[in-house]
Amino acid sequence: MTRRPEDVAWVGFTTEQTELLDFLDHVGNNGWGSNSQTDELMPKVLAECETAGLTIDRIKDAMEVVGYSASALHQLSRWESKRRTGRFGR
């Protein structure tokens, strides 16, 4: 399980973006695996991120800095694919 350490801040993000990153970090405690909770939340949250000016690449960069694995980051890309196309990417 990965979570942002308490002594690490999201630097260079607006308050809204920070709140969204905090929520993604909370939901990502299982590496953003697919389950009923993430199926419901992830497309909506990623759409909110885009509206707030957070691209998937910027989200992945922020999550990598706090310790998320390459596999977890790949799962974020898959969720973005599902949000945009309705299907999980590979």
C-alpha atoms as a PDB file:
ATOM      1  CA  MET A   1       0.000   0.000   0.000  1.00  0.00           C
ATOM      2  CA  THR A   2       1.341   3.380  -1.016  1.00  0.00           C
ATOM      3  CA  ARG A   3       0.256   6.697   0.461  1.00  0.00           C
ATOM      4  CA  ARG A   4       1.786  10.153   0.400  1.00  0.00           C
ATOM      5  CA  PRO A   5       3.932  10.578   3.504  1.00  0.00           C
ATOM      6  CA  GLU A   6       2.568  13.251   5.854  1.00  0.00           C
ATOM      7  CA  ASP A   7       5.767  15.286   5.591  1.00  0.00           C
ATOM      8  CA  VAL A   8       5.533  15.507   1.771  1.00  0.00           C
ATOM      9  CA  ALA A   9       3.489  18.314   0.229  1.00  0.00           C
ATOM     10  CA  TRP A  10       2.038  18.642  -3.253  1.00  0.00           C
ATOM     11  CA  VAL A  11       4.269  21.472  -4.533  1.00  0.00           C
ATOM     12  CA  GLY A  12       3.237  23.666  -7.452  1.00  0.00           C
ATOM     13  CA  PHE A  13      -0.466  22.827  -7.373  1.00  0.00           C
ATOM     14  CA  THR A  14      -3.519  24.946  -6.624  1.00  0.00           C
ATOM     15  CA  THR A  15      -5.680  24.244  -3.583  1.00  0.00           C
ATOM     16  CA  GLU A  16      -8.264  22.540  -5.798  1.00  0.00           C
ATOM     17  CA  GLN A  17      -5.607  20.400  -7.479  1.00  0.00           C
ATOM     18  CA  THR A  18      -4.126  19.485  -4.090  1.00  0.00           C
ATOM     19  CA  GLU A  19      -7.525  18.311  -2.849  1.00  0.00           C
ATOM     20  CA  LEU A  20      -7.970  16.190  -5.962  1.00  0.00           C
ATOM     21  CA  LEU A  21      -4.477  14.695  -5.598  1.00  0.00           C
ATOM     22  CA  ASP A  22      -5.193  13.933  -1.936  1.00  0.00           C
ATOM     23  CA  PHE A  23      -8.380  12.127  -2.922  1.00  0.00           C
ATOM     24  CA  LEU A  24      -6.627  10.173  -5.687  1.00  0.00           C
ATOM     25  CA  ASP A  25      -3.914   9.245  -3.207  1.00  0.00           C
ATOM     26  CA  HIS A  26      -6.585   7.968  -0.804  1.00  0.00           C
ATOM     27  CA  VAL A  27      -8.346   5.939  -3.506  1.00  0.00           C
ATOM     28  CA  GLY A  28      -4.993   4.724  -4.819  1.00  0.00           C
ATOM     29  CA  ASN A  29      -4.082   2.862  -1.641  1.00  0.00           C
ATOM     30  CA  ASN A  30      -4.672  -0.366  -3.596  1.00  0.00           C
ATOM     31  CA  GLY A  31      -2.805   0.803  -6.703  1.00  0.00           C
ATOM     32  CA  TRP A  32      -6.060   1.955  -8.301  1.00  0.00           C
ATOM     33  CA  GLY A  33      -7.201  -1.610  -8.894  1.00  0.00           C
ATOM     34  CA  SER A  34     -10.639  -2.066 -10.384  1.00  0.00           C
ATOM     35  CA  ASN A  35     -13.423  -2.621  -7.864  1.00  0.00           C
ATOM     36  CA  SER A  36     -16.929  -1.278  -7.332  1.00  0.00           C
ATOM     37  CA  GLN A  37     -15.589   1.840  -5.590  1.00  0.00           C
ATOM     38  CA  THR A  38     -13.004   2.747  -8.230  1.00  0.00           C
ATOM     39  CA  ASP A  39     -15.380   1.832 -11.065  1.00  0.00           C
ATOM     40  CA  GLU A  40     -17.732   4.497  -9.745  1.00  0.00           C
ATOM     41  CA  LEU A  41     -15.190   7.137  -8.696  1.00  0.00           C
ATOM     42  CA  MET A  42     -12.209   7.134 -11.020  1.00  0.00           C
ATOM     43  CA  PRO A  43     -13.802   8.363 -14.262  1.00  0.00           C
ATOM     44  CA  LYS A  44     -15.535  11.193 -12.368  1.00  0.00           C
ATOM     45  CA  VAL A  45     -12.443  12.209 -10.391  1.00  0.00           C
ATOM     46  CA  LEU A  46     -10.211  12.162 -13.459  1.00  0.00           C
ATOM     47  CA  ALA A  47     -12.733  14.362 -15.281  1.00  0.00           C
ATOM     48  CA  GLU A  48     -12.643  16.782 -12.329  1.00  0.00           C
ATOM     49  CA  CYS A  49      -8.844  16.725 -12.498  1.00  0.00           C
ATOM     50  CA  GLU A  50      -8.915  17.638 -16.173  1.00  0.00           C
ATOM     51  CA  THR A  51     -11.307  20.512 -15.469  1.00  0.00           C
ATOM     52  CA  ALA A  52      -8.930  21.703 -12.727  1.00  0.00           C
ATOM     53  CA  GLY A  53      -6.004  21.677 -15.181  1.00  0.00           C
ATOM     54  CA  LEU A  54      -4.414  18.403 -14.094  1.00  0.00           C
ATOM     55  CA  THR A  55      -3.370  16.208 -16.993  1.00  0.00           C
ATOM     56  CA  ILE A  56      -2.919  12.494 -16.479  1.00  0.00           C
ATOM     57  CA  ASP A  57       0.830  12.948 -16.964  1.00  0.00           C
ATOM     58  CA  ARG A  58       0.990  15.583 -14.240  1.00  0.00           C
ATOM     59  CA  ILE A  59      -1.037  13.358 -11.912  1.00  0.00           C
ATOM     60  CA  LYS A  60       1.259  10.410 -12.587  1.00  0.00           C
ATOM     61  CA  ASP A  61       4.358  12.569 -12.010  1.00  0.00           C
ATOM     62  CA  ALA A  62       2.974  13.719  -8.638  1.00  0.00           C
ATOM     63  CA  MET A  63       2.123  10.158  -7.599  1.00  0.00           C
ATOM     64  CA  GLU A  64       5.518   8.853  -8.678  1.00  0.00           C
ATOM     65  CA  VAL A  65       7.231  11.452  -6.485  1.00  0.00           C
ATOM     66  CA  VAL A  66       5.395  10.140  -3.414  1.00  0.00           C
ATOM     67  CA  GLY A  67       6.296   6.529  -4.156  1.00  0.00           C
ATOM     68  CA  TYR A  68       3.657   4.891  -6.337  1.00  0.00           C
ATOM     69  CA  SER A  69       5.005   2.024  -8.437  1.00  0.00           C
ATOM     70  CA  ALA A  70       5.218   1.878 -12.222  1.00  0.00           C
ATOM     71  CA  SER A  71       2.410  -0.689 -12.136  1.00  0.00           C
ATOM     72  CA  ALA A  72       0.134   1.642 -10.153  1.00  0.00           C
ATOM     73  CA  LEU A  73       0.941   4.542 -12.474  1.00  0.00           C
ATOM     74  CA  HIS A  74       0.101   2.338 -15.457  1.00  0.00           C
ATOM     75  CA  GLN A  75      -3.246   1.608 -13.809  1.00  0.00           C
ATOM     76  CA  LEU A  76      -3.926   5.362 -13.687  1.00  0.00           C
ATOM     77  CA  SER A  77      -3.328   5.500 -17.439  1.00  0.00           C
ATOM     78  CA  ARG A  78      -5.787   2.635 -17.868  1.00  0.00           C
ATOM     79  CA  TRP A  79      -8.410   4.546 -15.888  1.00  0.00           C
ATOM     80  CA  GLU A  80      -7.868   7.602 -18.085  1.00  0.00           C
ATOM     81  CA  SER A  81      -8.377   5.394 -21.139  1.00  0.00           C
ATOM     82  CA  LYS A  82     -11.618   4.082 -19.637  1.00  0.00           C
ATOM     83  CA  ARG A  83     -12.766   7.629 -18.923  1.00  0.00           C
ATOM     84  CA  ARG A  84     -12.055   8.783 -22.461  1.00  0.00           C
ATOM     85  CA  THR A  85     -13.065   5.707 -24.464  1.00  0.00           C
ATOM     86  CA  GLY A  86     -15.232   3.629 -22.139  1.00  0.00           C
ATOM     87  CA  ARG A  87     -12.669   0.805 -22.255  1.00  0.00           C
ATOM     88  CA  PHE A  88      -9.601  -0.002 -20.237  1.00  0.00           C
ATOM     89  CA  GLY A  89      -6.312   0.445 -22.058  1.00  0.00           C
ATOM     90  CA  ARG A  90      -3.666  -2.225 -21.899  1.00  0.00           C
END
